[in-house]
Amino acid sequence: MTDARVQDVYEDRARAREFFAQAEDFVGDADTHTLSAPSQTVLLHNATLCACDAILQAVGLRVTSGDRSHALRLETALDQLDGDTEELLERLDASRERRNEASYAAGFVAQTSLSDAREATTELIELARRFVEA
């Protein structure tokens, strides 16, 4: 497999809002407490990716599939936002790694990890909302 890369695409705020709405749906689905912690982790990660896609679509960028595509989406999307997003990137990247463990290694997801992921994802979605609606 090849490494993911950033591509220029057309800027589309309407499409960005669709990604944003999907991110909110995933967070809502993750809040269903009948789901296992690993399932909630996967849904929160999907919400994060959709929020990133909303930001990227709004500025005319997308990340191709390939090695490191999820990490590159996080990095590239957060680079578009004003202010210091380094700490948020670290928290979202840790959530991404936990999602990998839950998905690929059937790893245990602690409730505190899930809470951290939910908090970081919610913060990103709020930043994406302001960015897309600007």
N, C-alpha and C. Protein backbone atom coordinates (compact mmCIF):
# COMPACT_ATOMS: atom_id res chain seq x y z
N MET A 1 0.84 -1.18 0.00
CA MET A 1 0.00 0.00 0.00
C MET A 1 0.89 1.24 0.00
N THR A 2 0.40 2.30 -0.61
CA THR A 2 1.15 3.53 -0.67
C THR A 2 0.75 4.47 0.46
N ASP A 3 1.59 5.44 0.70
CA ASP A 3 1.27 6.43 1.73
C ASP A 3 0.15 7.34 1.26
N ALA A 4 -0.70 7.74 2.19
CA ALA A 4 -1.75 8.71 1.91
C ALA A 4 -1.10 10.06 1.60
N ARG A 5 -1.83 10.87 0.84
CA ARG A 5 -1.33 12.20 0.54
C ARG A 5 -2.50 13.18 0.48
N VAL A 6 -2.17 14.45 0.54
CA VAL A 6 -3.18 15.50 0.50
C VAL A 6 -3.37 15.92 -0.95
N GLN A 7 -4.64 16.02 -1.37
CA GLN A 7 -4.97 16.45 -2.73
C GLN A 7 -5.81 17.72 -2.68
N ASP A 8 -5.66 18.54 -3.72
CA ASP A 8 -6.55 19.68 -3.89
C ASP A 8 -7.84 19.20 -4.52
N VAL A 9 -8.97 19.67 -4.00
CA VAL A 9 -10.29 19.43 -4.57
C VAL A 9 -11.03 20.76 -4.54
N TYR A 10 -12.24 20.79 -5.02
CA TYR A 10 -13.01 22.02 -5.00
C TYR A 10 -13.48 22.32 -3.58
N GLU A 11 -13.52 23.60 -3.24
CA GLU A 11 -14.07 24.02 -1.95
C GLU A 11 -15.58 23.89 -2.04
N ASP A 12 -16.19 23.30 -1.03
CA ASP A 12 -17.63 23.09 -1.06
C ASP A 12 -18.17 23.13 0.37
N ARG A 13 -18.67 24.27 0.77
CA ARG A 13 -19.20 24.43 2.13
C ARG A 13 -20.45 23.57 2.35
N ALA A 14 -21.27 23.39 1.31
CA ALA A 14 -22.47 22.56 1.47
C ALA A 14 -22.06 21.12 1.74
N ARG A 15 -21.10 20.60 1.00
CA ARG A 15 -20.61 19.23 1.24
C ARG A 15 -19.94 19.14 2.60
N ALA A 16 -19.23 20.20 2.99
CA ALA A 16 -18.59 20.22 4.30
C ALA A 16 -19.64 20.10 5.41
N ARG A 17 -20.78 20.77 5.24
CA ARG A 17 -21.84 20.67 6.24
C ARG A 17 -22.41 19.25 6.30
N GLU A 18 -22.44 18.55 5.17
CA GLU A 18 -22.89 17.16 5.16
C GLU A 18 -21.94 16.28 5.98
N PHE A 19 -20.64 16.49 5.80
CA PHE A 19 -19.67 15.74 6.61
C PHE A 19 -19.86 16.06 8.09
N PHE A 20 -20.09 17.34 8.36
CA PHE A 20 -20.29 17.78 9.74
C PHE A 20 -21.52 17.11 10.34
N ALA A 21 -22.62 17.06 9.60
CA ALA A 21 -23.85 16.41 10.09
C ALA A 21 -23.60 14.93 10.37
N GLN A 22 -22.82 14.30 9.51
CA GLN A 22 -22.51 12.89 9.72
C GLN A 22 -21.67 12.71 11.00
N ALA A 23 -20.76 13.63 11.25
CA ALA A 23 -19.96 13.58 12.48
C ALA A 23 -20.87 13.65 13.70
N GLU A 24 -21.83 14.55 13.67
CA GLU A 24 -22.77 14.66 14.79
C GLU A 24 -23.60 13.39 14.96
N ASP A 25 -24.00 12.78 13.84
CA ASP A 25 -24.75 11.52 13.92
C ASP A 25 -23.92 10.43 14.60
N PHE A 26 -22.64 10.32 14.22
CA PHE A 26 -21.79 9.30 14.82
C PHE A 26 -21.63 9.52 16.32
N VAL A 27 -21.48 10.77 16.74
CA VAL A 27 -21.36 11.05 18.18
C VAL A 27 -22.65 10.67 18.89
N GLY A 28 -23.78 11.00 18.29
CA GLY A 28 -25.06 10.63 18.88
C GLY A 28 -25.20 9.12 19.00
N ASP A 29 -24.77 8.41 17.96
CA ASP A 29 -24.82 6.94 18.01
C ASP A 29 -23.88 6.40 19.09
N ALA A 30 -22.73 7.03 19.25
CA ALA A 30 -21.76 6.58 20.26
C ALA A 30 -22.28 6.78 21.67
N ASP A 31 -23.19 7.72 21.83
CA ASP A 31 -23.76 7.98 23.16
C ASP A 31 -24.80 6.95 23.58
N THR A 32 -25.07 5.99 22.71
CA THR A 32 -25.96 4.90 23.06
C THR A 32 -25.21 3.98 24.02
N HIS A 33 -25.57 4.04 25.27
CA HIS A 33 -24.79 3.34 26.30
C HIS A 33 -25.00 1.83 26.30
N THR A 34 -25.83 1.33 25.41
CA THR A 34 -25.98 -0.11 25.29
C THR A 34 -24.86 -0.70 24.44
N LEU A 35 -24.10 0.16 23.78
CA LEU A 35 -22.98 -0.32 22.97
C LEU A 35 -21.77 -0.60 23.84
N SER A 36 -20.94 -1.49 23.39
CA SER A 36 -19.69 -1.76 24.10
C SER A 36 -18.74 -0.57 23.96
N ALA A 37 -17.78 -0.50 24.86
CA ALA A 37 -16.79 0.57 24.80
C ALA A 37 -16.00 0.54 23.49
N PRO A 38 -15.59 -0.65 22.99
CA PRO A 38 -14.90 -0.65 21.68
C PRO A 38 -15.79 -0.11 20.55
N SER A 39 -17.07 -0.45 20.55
CA SER A 39 -17.97 0.06 19.51
C SER A 39 -18.13 1.57 19.61
N GLN A 40 -18.25 2.08 20.82
CA GLN A 40 -18.33 3.53 21.00
C GLN A 40 -17.05 4.21 20.53
N THR A 41 -15.92 3.58 20.80
CA THR A 41 -14.63 4.13 20.37
C THR A 41 -14.56 4.24 18.86
N VAL A 42 -15.02 3.22 18.16
CA VAL A 42 -15.02 3.23 16.69
C VAL A 42 -15.92 4.35 16.17
N LEU A 43 -17.10 4.49 16.75
CA LEU A 43 -18.02 5.54 16.31
C LEU A 43 -17.46 6.93 16.57
N LEU A 44 -16.82 7.13 17.70
CA LEU A 44 -16.21 8.42 17.99
C LEU A 44 -15.08 8.73 17.01
N HIS A 45 -14.32 7.70 16.67
CA HIS A 45 -13.25 7.91 15.68
C HIS A 45 -13.85 8.28 14.32
N ASN A 46 -14.93 7.61 13.94
CA ASN A 46 -15.59 7.96 12.68
C ASN A 46 -16.09 9.40 12.71
N ALA A 47 -16.60 9.83 13.86
CA ALA A 47 -17.04 11.22 14.01
C ALA A 47 -15.87 12.18 13.81
N THR A 48 -14.74 11.83 14.39
CA THR A 48 -13.55 12.65 14.24
C THR A 48 -13.15 12.77 12.77
N LEU A 49 -13.15 11.65 12.07
CA LEU A 49 -12.78 11.68 10.65
C LEU A 49 -13.75 12.53 9.84
N CYS A 50 -15.04 12.43 10.13
CA CYS A 50 -16.03 13.24 9.41
C CYS A 50 -15.84 14.73 9.70
N ALA A 51 -15.53 15.07 10.95
CA ALA A 51 -15.27 16.47 11.29
C ALA A 51 -14.03 16.97 10.54
N CYS A 52 -13.02 16.12 10.45
CA CYS A 52 -11.82 16.48 9.68
C CYS A 52 -12.17 16.68 8.21
N ASP A 53 -12.97 15.77 7.67
CA ASP A 53 -13.37 15.89 6.26
C ASP A 53 -14.18 17.16 6.02
N ALA A 54 -14.99 17.57 6.99
CA ALA A 54 -15.74 18.82 6.85
C ALA A 54 -14.79 20.01 6.74
N ILE A 55 -13.81 20.05 7.61
CA ILE A 55 -12.83 21.14 7.58
C ILE A 55 -12.07 21.13 6.26
N LEU A 56 -11.61 19.95 5.86
CA LEU A 56 -10.82 19.85 4.63
C LEU A 56 -11.64 20.22 3.40
N GLN A 57 -12.88 19.75 3.32
CA GLN A 57 -13.73 20.07 2.17
C GLN A 57 -13.98 21.57 2.08
N ALA A 58 -14.10 22.22 3.23
CA ALA A 58 -14.36 23.66 3.26
C ALA A 58 -13.20 24.47 2.69
N VAL A 59 -11.99 23.91 2.74
CA VAL A 59 -10.83 24.63 2.19
C VAL A 59 -10.32 24.03 0.89
N GLY A 60 -11.02 23.02 0.38
CA GLY A 60 -10.63 22.44 -0.90
C GLY A 60 -9.50 21.44 -0.83
N LEU A 61 -9.50 20.62 0.22
CA LEU A 61 -8.49 19.57 0.36
C LEU A 61 -9.17 18.25 0.68
N ARG A 62 -8.47 17.16 0.40
CA ARG A 62 -8.89 15.84 0.86
C ARG A 62 -7.64 14.99 1.00
N VAL A 63 -7.74 13.97 1.83
CA VAL A 63 -6.63 13.04 2.04
C VAL A 63 -6.99 11.74 1.34
N THR A 64 -6.06 11.24 0.53
CA THR A 64 -6.29 9.99 -0.19
C THR A 64 -6.19 8.82 0.76
N SER A 65 -6.68 7.68 0.33
CA SER A 65 -6.52 6.47 1.12
C SER A 65 -5.06 6.05 1.06
N GLY A 66 -4.66 5.22 1.99
CA GLY A 66 -3.29 4.73 2.04
C GLY A 66 -2.78 4.71 3.46
N ASP A 67 -1.54 4.29 3.60
CA ASP A 67 -0.92 4.24 4.93
C ASP A 67 -0.94 5.62 5.57
N ARG A 68 -1.31 5.66 6.83
CA ARG A 68 -1.35 6.87 7.64
C ARG A 68 -2.46 7.85 7.24
N SER A 69 -3.47 7.40 6.49
CA SER A 69 -4.49 8.34 6.03
C SER A 69 -5.25 8.98 7.19
N HIS A 70 -5.57 8.21 8.23
CA HIS A 70 -6.33 8.77 9.35
C HIS A 70 -5.49 9.80 10.10
N ALA A 71 -4.23 9.50 10.34
CA ALA A 71 -3.35 10.43 11.03
C ALA A 71 -3.14 11.69 10.20
N LEU A 72 -2.97 11.53 8.90
CA LEU A 72 -2.77 12.69 8.02
C LEU A 72 -4.03 13.55 7.97
N ARG A 73 -5.21 12.94 7.99
CA ARG A 73 -6.45 13.72 8.02
C ARG A 73 -6.51 14.58 9.28
N LEU A 74 -6.19 13.98 10.41
CA LEU A 74 -6.17 14.74 11.66
C LEU A 74 -5.20 15.91 11.57
N GLU A 75 -3.97 15.63 11.19
CA GLU A 75 -2.94 16.66 11.14
C GLU A 75 -3.31 17.78 10.18
N THR A 76 -3.74 17.41 8.98
CA THR A 76 -4.04 18.41 7.95
C THR A 76 -5.25 19.24 8.33
N ALA A 77 -6.28 18.61 8.86
CA ALA A 77 -7.49 19.36 9.26
C ALA A 77 -7.17 20.34 10.39
N LEU A 78 -6.46 19.88 11.40
CA LEU A 78 -6.16 20.76 12.53
C LEU A 78 -5.23 21.89 12.13
N ASP A 79 -4.39 21.67 11.11
CA ASP A 79 -3.53 22.74 10.59
C ASP A 79 -4.33 23.88 9.99
N GLN A 80 -5.56 23.62 9.59
CA GLN A 80 -6.40 24.66 8.98
C GLN A 80 -7.03 25.58 10.02
N LEU A 81 -7.07 25.15 11.26
CA LEU A 81 -7.75 25.90 12.31
C LEU A 81 -6.83 26.93 12.95
N ASP A 82 -7.40 28.04 13.37
CA ASP A 82 -6.65 29.06 14.08
C ASP A 82 -6.35 28.59 15.50
N GLY A 83 -5.29 29.09 16.05
CA GLY A 83 -4.96 28.78 17.43
C GLY A 83 -4.09 27.53 17.55
N ASP A 84 -3.74 27.25 18.79
CA ASP A 84 -2.89 26.11 19.09
C ASP A 84 -3.74 24.86 19.22
N THR A 85 -3.55 23.93 18.31
CA THR A 85 -4.33 22.68 18.32
C THR A 85 -3.45 21.47 18.62
N GLU A 86 -2.23 21.71 19.07
CA GLU A 86 -1.30 20.62 19.31
C GLU A 86 -1.81 19.64 20.37
N GLU A 87 -2.33 20.16 21.47
CA GLU A 87 -2.83 19.29 22.53
C GLU A 87 -4.04 18.49 22.04
N LEU A 88 -4.93 19.14 21.30
CA LEU A 88 -6.09 18.44 20.75
C LEU A 88 -5.63 17.35 19.79
N LEU A 89 -4.65 17.64 18.96
CA LEU A 89 -4.12 16.63 18.04
C LEU A 89 -3.60 15.43 18.82
N GLU A 90 -2.88 15.67 19.88
CA GLU A 90 -2.34 14.56 20.69
C GLU A 90 -3.47 13.72 21.27
N ARG A 91 -4.52 14.37 21.77
CA ARG A 91 -5.64 13.64 22.36
C ARG A 91 -6.40 12.83 21.30
N LEU A 92 -6.62 13.44 20.13
CA LEU A 92 -7.32 12.74 19.06
C LEU A 92 -6.47 11.61 18.49
N ASP A 93 -5.15 11.81 18.44
CA ASP A 93 -4.27 10.76 17.95
C ASP A 93 -4.24 9.59 18.92
N ALA A 94 -4.27 9.87 20.21
CA ALA A 94 -4.34 8.80 21.20
C ALA A 94 -5.66 8.03 21.05
N SER A 95 -6.73 8.75 20.78
CA SER A 95 -8.03 8.11 20.54
C SER A 95 -7.97 7.23 19.29
N ARG A 96 -7.30 7.72 18.26
CA ARG A 96 -7.13 6.95 17.02
C ARG A 96 -6.38 5.65 17.30
N GLU A 97 -5.35 5.72 18.12
CA GLU A 97 -4.59 4.52 18.45
C GLU A 97 -5.43 3.53 19.25
N ARG A 98 -6.25 4.04 20.17
CA ARG A 98 -7.14 3.16 20.94
C ARG A 98 -8.16 2.50 20.01
N ARG A 99 -8.64 3.26 19.02
CA ARG A 99 -9.57 2.70 18.05
C ARG A 99 -8.90 1.58 17.27
N ASN A 100 -7.64 1.75 16.91
CA ASN A 100 -6.90 0.69 16.22
C ASN A 100 -6.81 -0.56 17.08
N GLU A 101 -6.50 -0.39 18.34
CA GLU A 101 -6.42 -1.53 19.24
C GLU A 101 -7.77 -2.22 19.39
N ALA A 102 -8.83 -1.44 19.51
CA ALA A 102 -10.16 -2.01 19.66
C ALA A 102 -10.60 -2.73 18.39
N SER A 103 -10.23 -2.18 17.24
CA SER A 103 -10.67 -2.75 15.96
C SER A 103 -9.83 -3.93 15.51
N TYR A 104 -8.53 -3.82 15.65
CA TYR A 104 -7.63 -4.80 15.05
C TYR A 104 -7.03 -5.79 16.02
N ALA A 105 -6.99 -5.44 17.29
CA ALA A 105 -6.37 -6.33 18.27
C ALA A 105 -7.34 -6.77 19.35
N ALA A 106 -8.61 -6.46 19.16
CA ALA A 106 -9.64 -6.79 20.16
C ALA A 106 -9.20 -6.34 21.55
N GLY A 107 -8.63 -5.14 21.59
CA GLY A 107 -8.12 -4.62 22.85
C GLY A 107 -9.21 -4.07 23.74
N PHE A 108 -8.93 -4.03 25.02
CA PHE A 108 -9.82 -3.49 26.03
C PHE A 108 -9.79 -1.97 25.94
N VAL A 109 -10.93 -1.33 26.08
CA VAL A 109 -11.03 0.12 26.09
C VAL A 109 -11.56 0.55 27.45
N ALA A 110 -10.73 1.24 28.20
CA ALA A 110 -11.12 1.70 29.53
C ALA A 110 -12.16 2.81 29.42
N GLN A 111 -13.02 2.90 30.39
CA GLN A 111 -14.07 3.93 30.40
C GLN A 111 -13.46 5.33 30.39
N THR A 112 -12.33 5.52 31.08
CA THR A 112 -11.70 6.84 31.06
C THR A 112 -11.17 7.17 29.67
N SER A 113 -10.67 6.17 28.95
CA SER A 113 -10.23 6.40 27.57
C SER A 113 -11.39 6.81 26.68
N LEU A 114 -12.51 6.17 26.89
CA LEU A 114 -13.71 6.49 26.13
C LEU A 114 -14.18 7.91 26.44
N SER A 115 -14.13 8.30 27.69
CA SER A 115 -14.51 9.66 28.08
C SER A 115 -13.57 10.68 27.46
N ASP A 116 -12.28 10.38 27.47
CA ASP A 116 -11.30 11.28 26.84
C ASP A 116 -11.57 11.41 25.35
N ALA A 117 -11.87 10.30 24.69
CA ALA A 117 -12.15 10.32 23.25
C ALA A 117 -13.40 11.15 22.97
N ARG A 118 -14.42 10.97 23.77
CA ARG A 118 -15.68 11.72 23.58
C ARG A 118 -15.43 13.21 23.75
N GLU A 119 -14.67 13.57 24.77
CA GLU A 119 -14.38 14.99 25.03
C GLU A 119 -13.58 15.60 23.88
N ALA A 120 -12.54 14.91 23.42
CA ALA A 120 -11.72 15.44 22.33
C ALA A 120 -12.51 15.53 21.03
N THR A 121 -13.32 14.52 20.76
CA THR A 121 -14.14 14.52 19.54
C THR A 121 -15.14 15.66 19.58
N THR A 122 -15.78 15.86 20.72
CA THR A 122 -16.75 16.95 20.86
C THR A 122 -16.07 18.30 20.66
N GLU A 123 -14.87 18.46 21.18
CA GLU A 123 -14.13 19.71 20.99
C GLU A 123 -13.83 19.94 19.51
N LEU A 124 -13.39 18.90 18.82
CA LEU A 124 -13.10 19.02 17.39
C LEU A 124 -14.36 19.38 16.61
N ILE A 125 -15.47 18.73 16.94
CA ILE A 125 -16.72 19.01 16.23
C ILE A 125 -17.14 20.47 16.43
N GLU A 126 -16.97 20.99 17.61
CA GLU A 126 -17.31 22.40 17.85
C GLU A 126 -16.40 23.31 17.03
N LEU A 127 -15.11 23.02 16.99
CA LEU A 127 -14.19 23.80 16.15
C LEU A 127 -14.56 23.69 14.67
N ALA A 128 -14.92 22.48 14.24
CA ALA A 128 -15.31 22.28 12.84
C ALA A 128 -16.58 23.07 12.53
N ARG A 129 -17.53 23.08 13.46
CA ARG A 129 -18.78 23.83 13.27
C ARG A 129 -18.47 25.30 13.01
N ARG A 130 -17.68 25.89 13.87
CA ARG A 130 -17.33 27.31 13.70
C ARG A 130 -16.59 27.56 12.40
N PHE A 131 -15.70 26.63 12.05
CA PHE A 131 -14.90 26.79 10.84
C PHE A 131 -15.77 26.68 9.58
N VAL A 132 -16.62 25.70 9.52
CA VAL A 132 -17.45 25.46 8.33
C VAL A 132 -18.48 26.56 8.17
N GLU A 133 -19.00 27.07 9.29
CA GLU A 133 -20.05 28.09 9.21
C GLU A 133 -19.49 29.50 9.05
N ALA A 134 -18.18 29.66 9.15
CA ALA A 134 -17.56 30.99 9.03
C ALA A 134 -17.69 31.56 7.63
